[in-house]
PDB file of N, CA and C in Angstrom:
ATOM      1  N   MET A   1     149.097  53.313-202.177  1.00  0.00           N
ATOM      2  CA  MET A   1     150.011  53.038-201.100  1.00  0.00           C
ATOM      3  C   MET A   1     149.431  51.873-200.297  1.00  0.00           C
ATOM      4  N   PRO A   2     150.203  50.823-200.072  1.00  0.00           N
ATOM      5  CA  PRO A   2     149.681  49.692-199.304  1.00  0.00           C
ATOM      6  C   PRO A   2     149.578  50.032-197.815  1.00  0.00           C
ATOM      7  N   LEU A   3     148.629  49.408-197.143  1.00  0.00           N
ATOM      8  CA  LEU A   3     148.454  49.598-195.712  1.00  0.00           C
ATOM      9  C   LEU A   3     149.380  48.670-194.940  1.00  0.00           C
ATOM     10  N   ASP A   4     149.867  49.128-193.800  1.00  0.00           N
ATOM     11  CA  ASP A   4     150.685  48.282-192.942  1.00  0.00           C
ATOM     12  C   ASP A   4     149.819  47.192-192.333  1.00  0.00           C
ATOM     13  N   ARG A   5     150.393  46.015-192.197  1.00  0.00           N
ATOM     14  CA  ARG A   5     149.680  44.903-191.586  1.00  0.00           C
ATOM     15  C   ARG A   5     149.813  45.013-190.073  1.00  0.00           C
ATOM     16  N   LEU A   6     148.690  44.907-189.374  1.00  0.00           N
ATOM     17  CA  LEU A   6     148.699  44.939-187.921  1.00  0.00           C
ATOM     18  C   LEU A   6     148.924  43.531-187.396  1.00  0.00           C
ATOM     19  N   ILE A   7     149.886  43.377-186.516  1.00  0.00           N
ATOM     20  CA  ILE A   7     150.217  42.068-185.956  1.00  0.00           C
ATOM     21  C   ILE A   7     150.022  42.129-184.449  1.00  0.00           C
ATOM     22  N   ASP A   8     149.294  41.150-183.905  1.00  0.00           N
ATOM     23  CA  ASP A   8     149.047  41.084-182.469  1.00  0.00           C
ATOM     24  C   ASP A   8     150.333  40.709-181.753  1.00  0.00           C
ATOM     25  N   SER A   9     150.753  41.534-180.790  1.00  0.00           N
ATOM     26  CA  SER A   9     151.976  41.259-180.037  1.00  0.00           C
ATOM     27  C   SER A   9     151.739  40.233-178.946  1.00  0.00           C
ATOM     28  N   GLY A  10     150.487  39.972-178.617  1.00  0.00           N
ATOM     29  CA  GLY A  10     150.180  39.045-177.548  1.00  0.00           C
ATOM     30  C   GLY A  10     150.203  39.686-176.173  1.00  0.00           C
ATOM     31  N   GLN A  11     150.633  40.952-176.093  1.00  0.00           N
ATOM     32  CA  GLN A  11     150.699  41.659-174.821  1.00  0.00           C
ATOM     33  C   GLN A  11     149.394  42.425-174.607  1.00  0.00           C
ATOM     34  N   PRO A  12     148.839  42.380-173.404  1.00  0.00           N
ATOM     35  CA  PRO A  12     147.604  43.140-173.152  1.00  0.00           C
ATOM     36  C   PRO A  12     147.886  44.636-173.151  1.00  0.00           C
ATOM     37  N   ILE A  13     146.895  45.400-173.558  1.00  0.00           N
ATOM     38  CA  ILE A  13     147.012  46.855-173.549  1.00  0.00           C
ATOM     39  C   ILE A  13     146.575  47.336-172.171  1.00  0.00           C
ATOM     40  N   VAL A  14     147.507  47.971-171.469  1.00  0.00           N
ATOM     41  CA  VAL A  14     147.222  48.459-170.113  1.00  0.00           C
ATOM     42  C   VAL A  14     147.602  49.916-170.043  1.00  0.00           C
ATOM     43  N   PRO A  15     146.750  50.817-169.641  1.00  0.00           N
ATOM     44  CA  PRO A  15     145.338  50.616-169.325  1.00  0.00           C
ATOM     45  C   PRO A  15     144.524  50.463-170.595  1.00  0.00           C
ATOM     46  N   LEU A  16     143.344  49.904-170.480  1.00  0.00           N
ATOM     47  CA  LEU A  16     142.486  49.743-171.645  1.00  0.00           C
ATOM     48  C   LEU A  16     142.130  51.114-172.209  1.00  0.00           C
ATOM     49  N   PRO A  17     142.077  51.248-173.540  1.00  0.00           N
ATOM     50  CA  PRO A  17     141.752  52.547-174.136  1.00  0.00           C
ATOM     51  C   PRO A  17     140.319  52.957-173.829  1.00  0.00           C
ATOM     52  N   ASP A  18     140.102  54.256-173.742  1.00  0.00           N
ATOM     53  CA  ASP A  18     138.787  54.817-173.488  1.00  0.00           C
ATOM     54  C   ASP A  18     138.076  54.977-174.821  1.00  0.00           C
ATOM     55  N   VAL A  19     137.197  54.042-175.152  1.00  0.00           N
ATOM     56  CA  VAL A  19     136.460  54.099-176.411  1.00  0.00           C
ATOM     57  C   VAL A  19     134.973  54.056-176.120  1.00  0.00           C
ATOM     58  N   GLN A  20     134.193  54.535-177.075  1.00  0.00           N
ATOM     59  CA  GLN A  20     132.739  54.556-176.912  1.00  0.00           C
ATOM     60  C   GLN A  20     132.182  53.176-177.216  1.00  0.00           C
ATOM     61  N   ARG A  21     131.476  52.603-176.270  1.00  0.00           N
ATOM     62  CA  ARG A  21     130.833  51.313-176.460  1.00  0.00           C
ATOM     63  C   ARG A  21     129.324  51.529-176.535  1.00  0.00           C
ATOM     64  N   THR A  22     128.729  51.045-177.599  1.00  0.00           N
ATOM     65  CA  THR A  22     127.281  51.148-177.755  1.00  0.00           C
ATOM     66  C   THR A  22     126.738  49.770-178.063  1.00  0.00           C
ATOM     67  N   THR A  23     125.420  49.647-178.143  1.00  0.00           N
ATOM     68  CA  THR A  23     124.829  48.358-178.480  1.00  0.00           C
ATOM     69  C   THR A  23     125.089  47.999-179.943  1.00  0.00           C
ATOM     70  N   LEU A  24     125.467  49.001-180.746  1.00  0.00           N
ATOM     71  CA  LEU A  24     125.696  48.742-182.166  1.00  0.00           C
ATOM     72  C   LEU A  24     127.151  48.479-182.507  1.00  0.00           C
ATOM     73  N   GLY A  25     128.074  48.839-181.644  1.00  0.00           N
ATOM     74  CA  GLY A  25     129.469  48.605-181.985  1.00  0.00           C
ATOM     75  C   GLY A  25     130.422  49.326-181.057  1.00  0.00           C
ATOM     76  N   LEU A  26     131.665  49.392-181.483  1.00  0.00           N
ATOM     77  CA  LEU A  26     132.746  49.978-180.715  1.00  0.00           C
ATOM     78  C   LEU A  26     133.418  51.030-181.582  1.00  0.00           C
ATOM     79  N   ASP A  27     133.408  52.289-181.164  1.00  0.00           N
ATOM     80  CA  ASP A  27     133.960  53.377-181.970  1.00  0.00           C
ATOM     81  C   ASP A  27     135.417  53.612-181.613  1.00  0.00           C
ATOM     82  N   ALA A  28     136.266  52.638-181.944  1.00  0.00           N
ATOM     83  CA  ALA A  28     137.687  52.760-181.624  1.00  0.00           C
ATOM     84  C   ALA A  28     138.370  53.723-182.592  1.00  0.00           C
ATOM     85  N   LEU A  29     138.033  53.684-183.870  1.00  0.00           N
ATOM     86  CA  LEU A  29     138.683  54.559-184.844  1.00  0.00           C
ATOM     87  C   LEU A  29     138.435  56.020-184.513  1.00  0.00           C
ATOM     88  N   GLY A  30     137.195  56.375-184.232  1.00  0.00           N
ATOM     89  CA  GLY A  30     136.875  57.760-183.883  1.00  0.00           C
ATOM     90  C   GLY A  30     137.592  58.210-182.626  1.00  0.00           C
ATOM     91  N   ARG A  31     137.787  57.320-181.692  1.00  0.00           N
ATOM     92  CA  ARG A  31     138.439  57.684-180.432  1.00  0.00           C
ATOM     93  C   ARG A  31     139.926  57.960-180.632  1.00  0.00           C
ATOM     94  N   PHE A  32     140.581  57.249-181.525  1.00  0.00           N
ATOM     95  CA  PHE A  32     142.019  57.419-181.693  1.00  0.00           C
ATOM     96  C   PHE A  32     142.375  58.465-182.743  1.00  0.00           C
ATOM     97  N   VAL A  33     141.427  58.887-183.553  1.00  0.00           N
ATOM     98  CA  VAL A  33     141.682  59.914-184.559  1.00  0.00           C
ATOM     99  C   VAL A  33     141.318  61.293-184.022  1.00  0.00           C
ATOM    100  N   CYS A  34     140.279  61.375-183.214  1.00  0.00           N
ATOM    101  CA  CYS A  34     139.773  62.654-182.704  1.00  0.00           C
ATOM    102  C   CYS A  34     140.064  62.795-181.217  1.00  0.00           C
ATOM    103  N   ASN A  35     140.248  64.033-180.791  1.00  0.00           N
ATOM    104  CA  ASN A  35     140.413  64.329-179.370  1.00  0.00           C
ATOM    105  C   ASN A  35     139.086  64.740-178.767  1.00  0.00           C
ATOM    106  N   THR A  36     138.950  64.533-177.471  1.00  0.00           N
ATOM    107  CA  THR A  36     137.806  65.092-176.769  1.00  0.00           C
ATOM    108  C   THR A  36     138.110  66.568-176.518  1.00  0.00           C
ATOM    109  N   TRP A  37     137.088  67.340-176.168  1.00  0.00           N
ATOM    110  CA  TRP A  37     137.302  68.766-175.905  1.00  0.00           C
ATOM    111  C   TRP A  37     138.270  68.954-174.741  1.00  0.00           C
ATOM    112  N   ASP A  38     138.138  68.135-173.693  1.00  0.00           N
ATOM    113  CA  ASP A  38     139.037  68.237-172.540  1.00  0.00           C
ATOM    114  C   ASP A  38     140.491  67.957-172.934  1.00  0.00           C
ATOM    115  N   GLU A  39     140.713  66.981-173.805  1.00  0.00           N
ATOM    116  CA  GLU A  39     142.075  66.683-174.257  1.00  0.00           C
ATOM    117  C   GLU A  39     142.631  67.812-175.114  1.00  0.00           C
ATOM    118  N   ALA A  40     141.789  68.383-175.963  1.00  0.00           N
ATOM    119  CA  ALA A  40     142.251  69.440-176.864  1.00  0.00           C
ATOM    120  C   ALA A  40     142.596  70.723-176.127  1.00  0.00           C
ATOM    121  N   THR A  41     141.926  70.961-175.007  1.00  0.00           N
ATOM    122  CA  THR A  41     142.150  72.216-174.271  1.00  0.00           C
ATOM    123  C   THR A  41     142.924  72.007-172.969  1.00  0.00           C
ATOM    124  N   ALA A  42     143.488  70.828-172.753  1.00  0.00           N
ATOM    125  CA  ALA A  42     144.144  70.506-171.481  1.00  0.00           C
ATOM    126  C   ALA A  42     145.350  71.396-171.203  1.00  0.00           C
ATOM    127  N   SER A  43     146.110  71.765-172.225  1.00  0.00           N
ATOM    128  CA  SER A  43     147.310  72.561-171.980  1.00  0.00           C
ATOM    129  C   SER A  43     146.964  74.001-171.611  1.00  0.00           C
ATOM    130  N   GLY A  44     145.791  74.472-172.005  1.00  0.00           N
ATOM    131  CA  GLY A  44     145.374  75.826-171.692  1.00  0.00           C
ATOM    132  C   GLY A  44     146.008  76.887-172.575  1.00  0.00           C
ATOM    133  N   THR A  45     146.912  76.498-173.468  1.00  0.00           N
ATOM    134  CA  THR A  45     147.589  77.473-174.323  1.00  0.00           C
ATOM    135  C   THR A  45     147.061  77.481-175.749  1.00  0.00           C
ATOM    136  N   ARG A  46     146.218  76.512-176.099  1.00  0.00           N
ATOM    137  CA  ARG A  46     145.719  76.447-177.472  1.00  0.00           C
ATOM    138  C   ARG A  46     144.547  77.392-177.661  1.00  0.00           C
ATOM    139  N   GLN A  47     144.547  78.072-178.797  1.00  0.00           N
ATOM    140  CA  GLN A  47     143.423  78.916-179.176  1.00  0.00           C
ATOM    141  C   GLN A  47     142.917  78.431-180.518  1.00  0.00           C
ATOM    142  N   PHE A  48     141.627  78.483-180.715  1.00  0.00           N
ATOM    143  CA  PHE A  48     141.013  77.973-181.934  1.00  0.00           C
ATOM    144  C   PHE A  48     140.320  79.100-182.677  1.00  0.00           C
ATOM    145  N   ASP A  49     140.458  79.098-183.997  1.00  0.00           N
ATOM    146  CA  ASP A  49     139.701  80.011-184.844  1.00  0.00           C
ATOM    147  C   ASP A  49     138.357  79.404-185.214  1.00  0.00           C
ATOM    148  N   ALA A  50     138.311  78.072-185.307  1.00  0.00           N
ATOM    149  CA  ALA A  50     137.073  77.384-185.658  1.00  0.00           C
ATOM    150  C   ALA A  50     137.092  75.999-185.024  1.00  0.00           C
ATOM    151  N   VAL A  51     135.915  75.495-184.712  1.00  0.00           N
ATOM    152  CA  VAL A  51     135.764  74.141-184.191  1.00  0.00           C
ATOM    153  C   VAL A  51     134.718  73.459-185.054  1.00  0.00           C
ATOM    154  N   ILE A  52     135.072  72.318-185.639  1.00  0.00           N
ATOM    155  CA  ILE A  52     134.143  71.543-186.454  1.00  0.00           C
ATOM    156  C   ILE A  52     133.498  70.507-185.546  1.00  0.00           C
ATOM    157  N   ILE A  53     132.182  70.553-185.436  1.00  0.00           N
ATOM    158  CA  ILE A  53     131.451  69.584-184.622  1.00  0.00           C
ATOM    159  C   ILE A  53     130.740  68.643-185.577  1.00  0.00           C
ATOM    160  N   GLY A  54     131.090  67.379-185.474  1.00  0.00           N
ATOM    161  CA  GLY A  54     130.508  66.364-186.352  1.00  0.00           C
ATOM    162  C   GLY A  54     131.570  65.773-187.247  1.00  0.00           C
ATOM    163  N   ALA A  55     131.421  64.525-187.525  1.00  0.00           N
ATOM    164  CA  ALA A  55     132.415  63.838-188.341  1.00  0.00           C
ATOM    165  C   ALA A  55     131.794  63.247-189.591  1.00  0.00           C
ATOM    166  N   GLY A  56     130.608  63.694-189.929  1.00  0.00           N
ATOM    167  CA  GLY A  56     129.973  63.207-191.150  1.00  0.00           C
ATOM    168  C   GLY A  56     130.633  63.802-192.382  1.00  0.00           C
ATOM    169  N   MET A  57     130.059  63.532-193.527  1.00  0.00           N
ATOM    170  CA  MET A  57     130.641  64.012-194.776  1.00  0.00           C
ATOM    171  C   MET A  57     130.708  65.536-194.819  1.00  0.00           C
ATOM    172  N   PHE A  58     129.676  66.195-194.329  1.00  0.00           N
ATOM    173  CA  PHE A  58     129.672  67.647-194.392  1.00  0.00           C
ATOM    174  C   PHE A  58     130.672  68.255-193.394  1.00  0.00           C
ATOM    175  N   GLY A  59     130.843  67.614-192.224  1.00  0.00           N
ATOM    176  CA  GLY A  59     131.843  68.082-191.255  1.00  0.00           C
ATOM    177  C   GLY A  59     133.247  68.003-191.815  1.00  0.00           C
ATOM    178  N   GLY A  60     133.549  66.904-192.492  1.00  0.00           N
ATOM    179  CA  GLY A  60     134.858  66.757-193.136  1.00  0.00           C
ATOM    180  C   GLY A  60     135.052  67.767-194.258  1.00  0.00           C
ATOM    181  N   TYR A  61     134.005  68.014-195.016  1.00  0.00           N
ATOM    182  CA  TYR A  61     134.059  68.998-196.102  1.00  0.00           C
ATOM    183  C   TYR A  61     134.331  70.400-195.547  1.00  0.00           C
ATOM    184  N   CYS A  62     133.614  70.754-194.465  1.00  0.00           N
ATOM    185  CA  CYS A  62     133.820  72.077-193.854  1.00  0.00           C
ATOM    186  C   CYS A  62     135.228  72.213-193.308  1.00  0.00           C
ATOM    187  N   ALA A  63     135.729  71.171-192.645  1.00  0.00           N
ATOM    188  CA  ALA A  63     137.081  71.212-192.089  1.00  0.00           C
ATOM    189  C   ALA A  63     138.098  71.392-193.204  1.00  0.00           C
ATOM    190  N   ASP A  64     137.903  70.707-194.324  1.00  0.00           N
ATOM    191  CA  ASP A  64     138.825  70.829-195.458  1.00  0.00           C
ATOM    192  C   ASP A  64     138.808  72.247-196.023  1.00  0.00           C
ATOM    193  N   LYS A  65     137.632  72.842-196.136  1.00  0.00           N
ATOM    194  CA  LYS A  65     137.530  74.191-196.705  1.00  0.00           C
ATOM    195  C   LYS A  65     138.088  75.251-195.765  1.00  0.00           C
ATOM    196  N   LEU A  66     137.950  75.035-194.455  1.00  0.00           N
ATOM    197  CA  LEU A  66     138.507  76.009-193.503  1.00  0.00           C
ATOM    198  C   LEU A  66     140.009  75.924-193.496  1.00  0.00           C
TER     199      LEU A  66
END
């Protein structure tokens, strides 16, 4: 399946997204794919059977098996 091409609209993003900035890079993908704990529990109605902590290969494997 081909990927969609991203085209810059020229419009600034307001407000700027909350992403993790480190000396090694910018974790924008992780920020937009995953929720923070506060975001996941903000409604107060969600209940979880399991929480996967970590996004490495083993975390993804565990999430898939659960």
